[in-house]
Amino acid sequence: MSKYKYILFDLDGTITEPYLGISNGIKYALNKFGIKMDDKETLRKFIGPPLRDSFRDFCGFSEEQAEEATAYYREYYGVNGLEENEIMPGMDDALRLLYDKGYKLYLATSKPEKYAKIILDNLGLLEYFDIAAGASFDGTRDKKELVIEYLLGQIKEKYDDFTIEQAIMVGDRHFDIHGAKYFDMDSIGVTFGYGDYKELNNAGATYVVDEAMGIVDVVEITL
């Protein structure tokens, strides 16, 4: 019998390859400020953290500018960016296998919840998730630990026998690992996204895997 029953997943860089949609949205927003951004490495840094934080940290924007840039980004992303996502290699098979085996799957993403559900639905993956939780548009719930807290509240309402020891978080960045550690939850870091082994290991990931089926192998570890 597996130790785990409730599997939480990050979205960008874990389930999906989001670079095209996010980078196009960032370039659209920055263009509104007269800034041209073509550096791929800088654009990749926007994937993972809350968007407002990224505009402040990577562009030197004030709080007001970051808020305005986020609104511009959504002008693009809400129309076009939602369609510019692909499934990470092997993730569709891994999700299907875990679902068929009876595990409860959840989404915990810093992307706005409305967008996240549309993306999963577009990719034919939404049906695998018991609950899909994400950030709020107003920025009051954008940090990973806030999203996880919001999700855990819903799980506890639905399942009286839920315990944190039965849950594990899967993600590609240190934000995901730190979010799990905040709740004393085990975690799986995946290196096929936007974080490498060093980042995930230093963050304290319980496990680190290099491919999607490695997630299944970890979850299937018996007591």
C-alpha atoms as a PDB file:
ATOM      1  CA  MET A   1       0.000   0.000   0.000  1.00  0.00           C
ATOM      2  CA  SER A   2       1.377   3.398  -0.965  1.00  0.00           C
ATOM      3  CA  LYS A   3       2.170   6.011   1.658  1.00  0.00           C
ATOM      4  CA  TYR A   4       0.573   8.664  -0.541  1.00  0.00           C
ATOM      5  CA  LYS A   5      -3.019   9.225  -1.551  1.00  0.00           C
ATOM      6  CA  TYR A   6      -3.283  12.954  -2.378  1.00  0.00           C
ATOM      7  CA  ILE A   7      -0.942  14.201  -5.120  1.00  0.00           C
ATOM      8  CA  LEU A   8      -0.583  17.959  -5.643  1.00  0.00           C
ATOM      9  CA  PHE A   9       0.848  19.261  -8.920  1.00  0.00           C
ATOM     10  CA  ASP A  10       2.298  22.551 -10.051  1.00  0.00           C
ATOM     11  CA  LEU A  11       1.244  23.554 -13.573  1.00  0.00           C
ATOM     12  CA  ASP A  12       3.837  25.621 -15.487  1.00  0.00           C
ATOM     13  CA  GLY A  13       7.015  23.633 -16.075  1.00  0.00           C
ATOM     14  CA  THR A  14       5.588  20.531 -14.420  1.00  0.00           C
ATOM     15  CA  ILE A  15       2.434  19.546 -16.297  1.00  0.00           C
ATOM     16  CA  THR A  16       2.787  22.035 -19.124  1.00  0.00           C
ATOM     17  CA  GLU A  17       5.472  23.690 -21.228  1.00  0.00           C
ATOM     18  CA  PRO A  18       4.248  27.292 -20.960  1.00  0.00           C
ATOM     19  CA  TYR A  19       7.152  29.261 -22.419  1.00  0.00           C
ATOM     20  CA  LEU A  20       5.535  30.477 -25.640  1.00  0.00           C
ATOM     21  CA  GLY A  21       2.386  31.892 -24.053  1.00  0.00           C
ATOM     22  CA  ILE A  22       4.118  33.442 -21.043  1.00  0.00           C
ATOM     23  CA  SER A  23       7.002  34.951 -23.005  1.00  0.00           C
ATOM     24  CA  ASN A  24       4.658  36.447 -25.587  1.00  0.00           C
ATOM     25  CA  GLY A  25       2.536  37.915 -22.797  1.00  0.00           C
ATOM     26  CA  ILE A  26       5.583  39.416 -21.066  1.00  0.00           C
ATOM     27  CA  LYS A  27       6.862  40.939 -24.298  1.00  0.00           C
ATOM     28  CA  TYR A  28       3.414  42.384 -24.994  1.00  0.00           C
ATOM     29  CA  ALA A  29       3.243  43.946 -21.523  1.00  0.00           C
ATOM     30  CA  LEU A  30       6.771  45.367 -21.598  1.00  0.00           C
ATOM     31  CA  ASN A  31       6.191  46.810 -25.044  1.00  0.00           C
ATOM     32  CA  LYS A  32       3.495  48.988 -23.457  1.00  0.00           C
ATOM     33  CA  PHE A  33       6.287  50.569 -21.401  1.00  0.00           C
ATOM     34  CA  GLY A  34       8.549  50.978 -24.420  1.00  0.00           C
ATOM     35  CA  ILE A  35      10.739  48.054 -23.352  1.00  0.00           C
ATOM     36  CA  LYS A  36      11.851  45.439 -25.848  1.00  0.00           C
ATOM     37  CA  MET A  37      12.615  42.046 -24.288  1.00  0.00           C
ATOM     38  CA  ASP A  38      14.006  39.251 -26.425  1.00  0.00           C
ATOM     39  CA  ASP A  39      16.449  37.566 -24.040  1.00  0.00           C
ATOM     40  CA  LYS A  40      15.205  34.027 -23.580  1.00  0.00           C
ATOM     41  CA  GLU A  41      16.973  33.445 -20.255  1.00  0.00           C
ATOM     42  CA  THR A  42      15.396  36.546 -18.720  1.00  0.00           C
ATOM     43  CA  LEU A  43      11.986  35.586 -20.054  1.00  0.00           C
ATOM     44  CA  ARG A  44      12.363  32.085 -18.592  1.00  0.00           C
ATOM     45  CA  LYS A  45      12.798  33.638 -15.131  1.00  0.00           C
ATOM     46  CA  PHE A  46       9.184  34.823 -15.273  1.00  0.00           C
ATOM     47  CA  ILE A  47       7.990  31.217 -15.178  1.00  0.00           C
ATOM     48  CA  GLY A  48       7.371  30.125 -11.603  1.00  0.00           C
ATOM     49  CA  PRO A  49       7.192  33.212  -9.369  1.00  0.00           C
ATOM     50  CA  PRO A  50       4.061  35.340  -8.972  1.00  0.00           C
ATOM     51  CA  LEU A  51       3.886  37.675 -11.973  1.00  0.00           C
ATOM     52  CA  ARG A  52       3.838  40.932  -9.997  1.00  0.00           C
ATOM     53  CA  ASP A  53       7.000  39.865  -8.171  1.00  0.00           C
ATOM     54  CA  SER A  54       8.731  39.107 -11.464  1.00  0.00           C
ATOM     55  CA  PHE A  55       7.978  42.524 -12.942  1.00  0.00           C
ATOM     56  CA  ARG A  56       9.422  44.130  -9.806  1.00  0.00           C
ATOM     57  CA  ASP A  57      12.429  41.829  -9.507  1.00  0.00           C
ATOM     58  CA  PHE A  58      13.451  41.515 -13.150  1.00  0.00           C
ATOM     59  CA  CYS A  59      12.345  44.897 -14.538  1.00  0.00           C
ATOM     60  CA  GLY A  60      12.764  47.171 -11.531  1.00  0.00           C
ATOM     61  CA  PHE A  61       9.095  48.160 -11.635  1.00  0.00           C
ATOM     62  CA  SER A  62       7.340  49.892  -8.776  1.00  0.00           C
ATOM     63  CA  GLU A  63       4.257  48.314  -7.183  1.00  0.00           C
ATOM     64  CA  GLU A  64       2.025  50.451  -9.395  1.00  0.00           C
ATOM     65  CA  GLN A  65       3.972  49.625 -12.560  1.00  0.00           C
ATOM     66  CA  ALA A  66       3.971  45.916 -11.715  1.00  0.00           C
ATOM     67  CA  GLU A  67       0.204  46.019 -11.301  1.00  0.00           C
ATOM     68  CA  GLU A  68      -0.216  47.826 -14.621  1.00  0.00           C
ATOM     69  CA  ALA A  69       2.151  45.411 -16.384  1.00  0.00           C
ATOM     70  CA  THR A  70       0.214  42.444 -14.995  1.00  0.00           C
ATOM     71  CA  ALA A  71      -2.994  43.882 -16.439  1.00  0.00           C
ATOM     72  CA  TYR A  72      -1.345  44.326 -19.848  1.00  0.00           C
ATOM     73  CA  TYR A  73       0.029  40.771 -19.685  1.00  0.00           C
ATOM     74  CA  ARG A  74      -3.481  39.429 -19.128  1.00  0.00           C
ATOM     75  CA  GLU A  75      -4.787  41.372 -22.110  1.00  0.00           C
ATOM     76  CA  TYR A  76      -2.620  39.111 -24.231  1.00  0.00           C
ATOM     77  CA  TYR A  77      -2.616  35.930 -22.171  1.00  0.00           C
ATOM     78  CA  GLY A  78      -6.367  35.791 -21.586  1.00  0.00           C
ATOM     79  CA  VAL A  79      -6.965  35.723 -25.343  1.00  0.00           C
ATOM     80  CA  ASN A  80      -3.919  34.101 -26.940  1.00  0.00           C
ATOM     81  CA  GLY A  81      -1.591  32.759 -24.261  1.00  0.00           C
ATOM     82  CA  LEU A  82      -4.084  30.210 -22.992  1.00  0.00           C
ATOM     83  CA  GLU A  83      -3.751  28.409 -26.307  1.00  0.00           C
ATOM     84  CA  GLU A  84       0.067  28.499 -26.298  1.00  0.00           C
ATOM     85  CA  ASN A  85       0.748  25.574 -23.970  1.00  0.00           C
ATOM     86  CA  GLU A  86       1.891  22.004 -24.527  1.00  0.00           C
ATOM     87  CA  ILE A  87       1.974  18.962 -22.251  1.00  0.00           C
ATOM     88  CA  MET A  88       5.382  18.137 -20.793  1.00  0.00           C
ATOM     89  CA  PRO A  89       6.712  14.855 -22.224  1.00  0.00           C
ATOM     90  CA  GLY A  90       5.087  11.875 -20.552  1.00  0.00           C
ATOM     91  CA  MET A  91       2.918  13.885 -18.162  1.00  0.00           C
ATOM     92  CA  ASP A  92      -0.373  12.909 -19.807  1.00  0.00           C
ATOM     93  CA  ASP A  93       0.492   9.217 -19.369  1.00  0.00           C
ATOM     94  CA  ALA A  94       1.675   9.736 -15.790  1.00  0.00           C
ATOM     95  CA  LEU A  95      -1.484  11.608 -14.801  1.00  0.00           C
ATOM     96  CA  ARG A  96      -3.713   9.039 -16.461  1.00  0.00           C
ATOM     97  CA  LEU A  97      -1.926   6.164 -14.737  1.00  0.00           C
ATOM     98  CA  LEU A  98      -2.132   7.779 -11.277  1.00  0.00           C
ATOM     99  CA  TYR A  99      -5.797   8.614 -11.834  1.00  0.00           C
ATOM    100  CA  ASP A 100      -6.619   5.077 -12.973  1.00  0.00           C
ATOM    101  CA  LYS A 101      -4.861   3.669  -9.912  1.00  0.00           C
ATOM    102  CA  GLY A 102      -7.193   5.669  -7.673  1.00  0.00           C
ATOM    103  CA  TYR A 103      -4.934   8.451  -6.432  1.00  0.00           C
ATOM    104  CA  LYS A 104      -6.535  11.846  -5.834  1.00  0.00           C
ATOM    105  CA  LEU A 105      -4.896  14.462  -8.063  1.00  0.00           C
ATOM    106  CA  TYR A 106      -4.871  18.199  -7.375  1.00  0.00           C
ATOM    107  CA  LEU A 107      -3.564  21.331  -9.003  1.00  0.00           C
ATOM    108  CA  ALA A 108      -1.754  23.960  -6.915  1.00  0.00           C
ATOM    109  CA  THR A 109      -0.523  26.722  -9.208  1.00  0.00           C
ATOM    110  CA  SER A 110       0.398  30.392  -8.895  1.00  0.00           C
ATOM    111  CA  LYS A 111      -1.311  30.955 -12.234  1.00  0.00           C
ATOM    112  CA  PRO A 112      -4.828  32.409 -11.895  1.00  0.00           C
ATOM    113  CA  GLU A 113      -7.224  29.561 -11.231  1.00  0.00           C
ATOM    114  CA  LYS A 114      -9.536  30.476 -14.106  1.00  0.00           C
ATOM    115  CA  TYR A 115      -6.656  30.338 -16.596  1.00  0.00           C
ATOM    116  CA  ALA A 116      -5.309  27.095 -15.146  1.00  0.00           C
ATOM    117  CA  LYS A 117      -8.627  25.290 -15.525  1.00  0.00           C
ATOM    118  CA  ILE A 118      -8.999  26.487 -19.121  1.00  0.00           C
ATOM    119  CA  ILE A 119      -5.490  25.276 -19.969  1.00  0.00           C
ATOM    120  CA  LEU A 120      -6.048  21.848 -18.415  1.00  0.00           C
ATOM    121  CA  ASP A 121      -9.383  21.555 -20.210  1.00  0.00           C
ATOM    122  CA  ASN A 122      -7.838  22.581 -23.535  1.00  0.00           C
ATOM    123  CA  LEU A 123      -5.194  19.880 -23.114  1.00  0.00           C
ATOM    124  CA  GLY A 124      -7.722  17.222 -22.123  1.00  0.00           C
ATOM    125  CA  LEU A 125      -6.331  16.875 -18.583  1.00  0.00           C
ATOM    126  CA  LEU A 126      -8.901  18.589 -16.365  1.00  0.00           C
ATOM    127  CA  GLU A 127     -10.893  15.393 -15.855  1.00  0.00           C
ATOM    128  CA  TYR A 128      -8.025  13.854 -13.879  1.00  0.00           C
ATOM    129  CA  PHE A 129      -8.131  16.474 -11.128  1.00  0.00           C
ATOM    130  CA  ASP A 130     -10.322  16.245  -8.053  1.00  0.00           C
ATOM    131  CA  ILE A 131      -9.760  19.965  -7.396  1.00  0.00           C
ATOM    132  CA  ALA A 132      -7.837  22.526  -9.464  1.00  0.00           C
ATOM    133  CA  ALA A 133      -6.658  25.403  -7.268  1.00  0.00           C
ATOM    134  CA  GLY A 134      -4.826  28.511  -8.379  1.00  0.00           C
ATOM    135  CA  ALA A 135      -4.091  32.134  -7.663  1.00  0.00           C
ATOM    136  CA  SER A 136      -6.631  34.921  -7.434  1.00  0.00           C
ATOM    137  CA  PHE A 137      -6.576  37.736  -9.984  1.00  0.00           C
ATOM    138  CA  ASP A 138      -6.217  40.422  -7.309  1.00  0.00           C
ATOM    139  CA  GLY A 139      -2.904  39.110  -5.984  1.00  0.00           C
ATOM    140  CA  THR A 140      -4.184  38.196  -2.519  1.00  0.00           C
ATOM    141  CA  ARG A 141      -3.517  34.510  -3.218  1.00  0.00           C
ATOM    142  CA  ASP A 142      -0.471  34.181  -5.451  1.00  0.00           C
ATOM    143  CA  LYS A 143       2.342  32.770  -3.302  1.00  0.00           C
ATOM    144  CA  LYS A 144       2.589  28.980  -3.489  1.00  0.00           C
ATOM    145  CA  GLU A 145       1.970  28.437   0.221  1.00  0.00           C
ATOM    146  CA  LEU A 146      -1.220  30.527   0.011  1.00  0.00           C
ATOM    147  CA  VAL A 147      -2.474  28.448  -2.909  1.00  0.00           C
ATOM    148  CA  ILE A 148      -1.640  25.216  -1.079  1.00  0.00           C
ATOM    149  CA  GLU A 149      -3.393  26.473   2.065  1.00  0.00           C
ATOM    150  CA  TYR A 150      -6.474  27.306  -0.015  1.00  0.00           C
ATOM    151  CA  LEU A 151      -6.386  23.865  -1.629  1.00  0.00           C
ATOM    152  CA  LEU A 152      -5.819  21.949   1.615  1.00  0.00           C
ATOM    153  CA  GLY A 153      -8.848  23.649   3.119  1.00  0.00           C
ATOM    154  CA  GLN A 154     -10.994  22.291   0.293  1.00  0.00           C
ATOM    155  CA  ILE A 155      -9.524  18.795   0.562  1.00  0.00           C
ATOM    156  CA  LYS A 156     -10.120  18.674   4.329  1.00  0.00           C
ATOM    157  CA  GLU A 157     -13.732  19.714   3.823  1.00  0.00           C
ATOM    158  CA  LYS A 158     -14.207  16.909   1.312  1.00  0.00           C
ATOM    159  CA  TYR A 159     -12.296  14.118   3.092  1.00  0.00           C
ATOM    160  CA  ASP A 160     -12.559  13.799   6.875  1.00  0.00           C
ATOM    161  CA  ASP A 161      -9.705  11.280   7.001  1.00  0.00           C
ATOM    162  CA  PHE A 162      -7.173  13.494   5.188  1.00  0.00           C
ATOM    163  CA  THR A 163      -3.714  13.721   6.744  1.00  0.00           C
ATOM    164  CA  ILE A 164      -0.736  15.735   5.505  1.00  0.00           C
ATOM    165  CA  GLU A 165       1.430  12.591   5.659  1.00  0.00           C
ATOM    166  CA  GLN A 166      -0.621  11.166   2.789  1.00  0.00           C
ATOM    167  CA  ALA A 167      -0.012  14.211   0.569  1.00  0.00           C
ATOM    168  CA  ILE A 168       2.925  15.051  -1.677  1.00  0.00           C
ATOM    169  CA  MET A 169       3.667  18.107  -3.845  1.00  0.00           C
ATOM    170  CA  VAL A 170       5.132  17.800  -7.348  1.00  0.00           C
ATOM    171  CA  GLY A 171       6.859  20.802  -8.914  1.00  0.00           C
ATOM    172  CA  ASP A 172       9.810  22.065 -10.911  1.00  0.00           C
ATOM    173  CA  ARG A 173      10.912  25.099  -8.862  1.00  0.00           C
ATOM    174  CA  HIS A 174      12.000  25.890  -5.323  1.00  0.00           C
ATOM    175  CA  PHE A 175       8.696  27.732  -4.822  1.00  0.00           C
ATOM    176  CA  ASP A 176       6.890  24.387  -5.005  1.00  0.00           C
ATOM    177  CA  ILE A 177       9.284  22.668  -2.602  1.00  0.00           C
ATOM    178  CA  HIS A 178       9.230  25.519  -0.089  1.00  0.00           C
ATOM    179  CA  GLY A 179       5.429  25.621  -0.315  1.00  0.00           C
ATOM    180  CA  ALA A 180       5.263  21.935   0.569  1.00  0.00           C
ATOM    181  CA  LYS A 181       7.779  22.290   3.411  1.00  0.00           C
ATOM    182  CA  TYR A 182       5.690  25.089   4.913  1.00  0.00           C
ATOM    183  CA  PHE A 183       3.037  22.459   5.622  1.00  0.00           C
ATOM    184  CA  ASP A 184       5.491  19.645   6.480  1.00  0.00           C
ATOM    185  CA  MET A 185       4.488  17.934   3.247  1.00  0.00           C
ATOM    186  CA  ASP A 186       6.765  15.655   1.221  1.00  0.00           C
ATOM    187  CA  SER A 187       7.700  16.821  -2.270  1.00  0.00           C
ATOM    188  CA  ILE A 188       8.934  15.626  -5.648  1.00  0.00           C
ATOM    189  CA  GLY A 189      11.119  17.967  -7.656  1.00  0.00           C
ATOM    190  CA  VAL A 190      11.129  17.422 -11.418  1.00  0.00           C
ATOM    191  CA  THR A 191      14.165  18.437 -13.462  1.00  0.00           C
ATOM    192  CA  PHE A 192      12.422  18.470 -16.847  1.00  0.00           C
ATOM    193  CA  GLY A 193      10.889  21.891 -16.135  1.00  0.00           C
ATOM    194  CA  TYR A 194      12.502  25.206 -15.202  1.00  0.00           C
ATOM    195  CA  GLY A 195      14.506  24.223 -12.137  1.00  0.00           C
ATOM    196  CA  ASP A 196      17.573  21.962 -12.039  1.00  0.00           C
ATOM    197  CA  TYR A 197      18.680  19.322  -9.561  1.00  0.00           C
ATOM    198  CA  LYS A 198      20.755  21.793  -7.530  1.00  0.00           C
ATOM    199  CA  GLU A 199      17.843  24.190  -7.042  1.00  0.00           C
ATOM    200  CA  LEU A 200      15.424  21.436  -6.067  1.00  0.00           C
ATOM    201  CA  ASN A 201      17.869  19.613  -3.817  1.00  0.00           C
ATOM    202  CA  ASN A 202      18.937  22.819  -2.060  1.00  0.00           C
ATOM    203  CA  ALA A 203      15.269  23.674  -1.505  1.00  0.00           C
ATOM    204  CA  GLY A 204      14.871  20.372   0.331  1.00  0.00           C
ATOM    205  CA  ALA A 205      12.889  18.224  -2.099  1.00  0.00           C
ATOM    206  CA  THR A 206      12.120  14.810  -0.608  1.00  0.00           C
ATOM    207  CA  TYR A 207      12.689  13.234  -4.012  1.00  0.00           C
ATOM    208  CA  VAL A 208      14.024  14.486  -7.360  1.00  0.00           C
ATOM    209  CA  VAL A 209      13.128  12.797 -10.655  1.00  0.00           C
ATOM    210  CA  ASP A 210      14.166  13.396 -14.249  1.00  0.00           C
ATOM    211  CA  GLU A 211      11.110  12.168 -16.122  1.00  0.00           C
ATOM    212  CA  ALA A 212       7.356  12.059 -15.700  1.00  0.00           C
ATOM    213  CA  MET A 213       7.121   8.350 -14.936  1.00  0.00           C
ATOM    214  CA  GLY A 214       9.565   8.912 -12.098  1.00  0.00           C
ATOM    215  CA  ILE A 215       6.680  10.664 -10.305  1.00  0.00           C
ATOM    216  CA  VAL A 216       4.640   7.471 -10.524  1.00  0.00           C
ATOM    217  CA  ASP A 217       7.550   5.428  -9.195  1.00  0.00           C
ATOM    218  CA  VAL A 218       7.873   7.695  -6.133  1.00  0.00           C
ATOM    219  CA  VAL A 219       4.145   7.757  -5.426  1.00  0.00           C
ATOM    220  CA  GLU A 220       3.999   3.976  -5.687  1.00  0.00           C
ATOM    221  CA  ILE A 221       6.603   3.534  -2.948  1.00  0.00           C
ATOM    222  CA  THR A 222       4.991   1.183  -0.424  1.00  0.00           C
ATOM    223  CA  LEU A 223       4.834   1.581   3.334  1.00  0.00           C
END
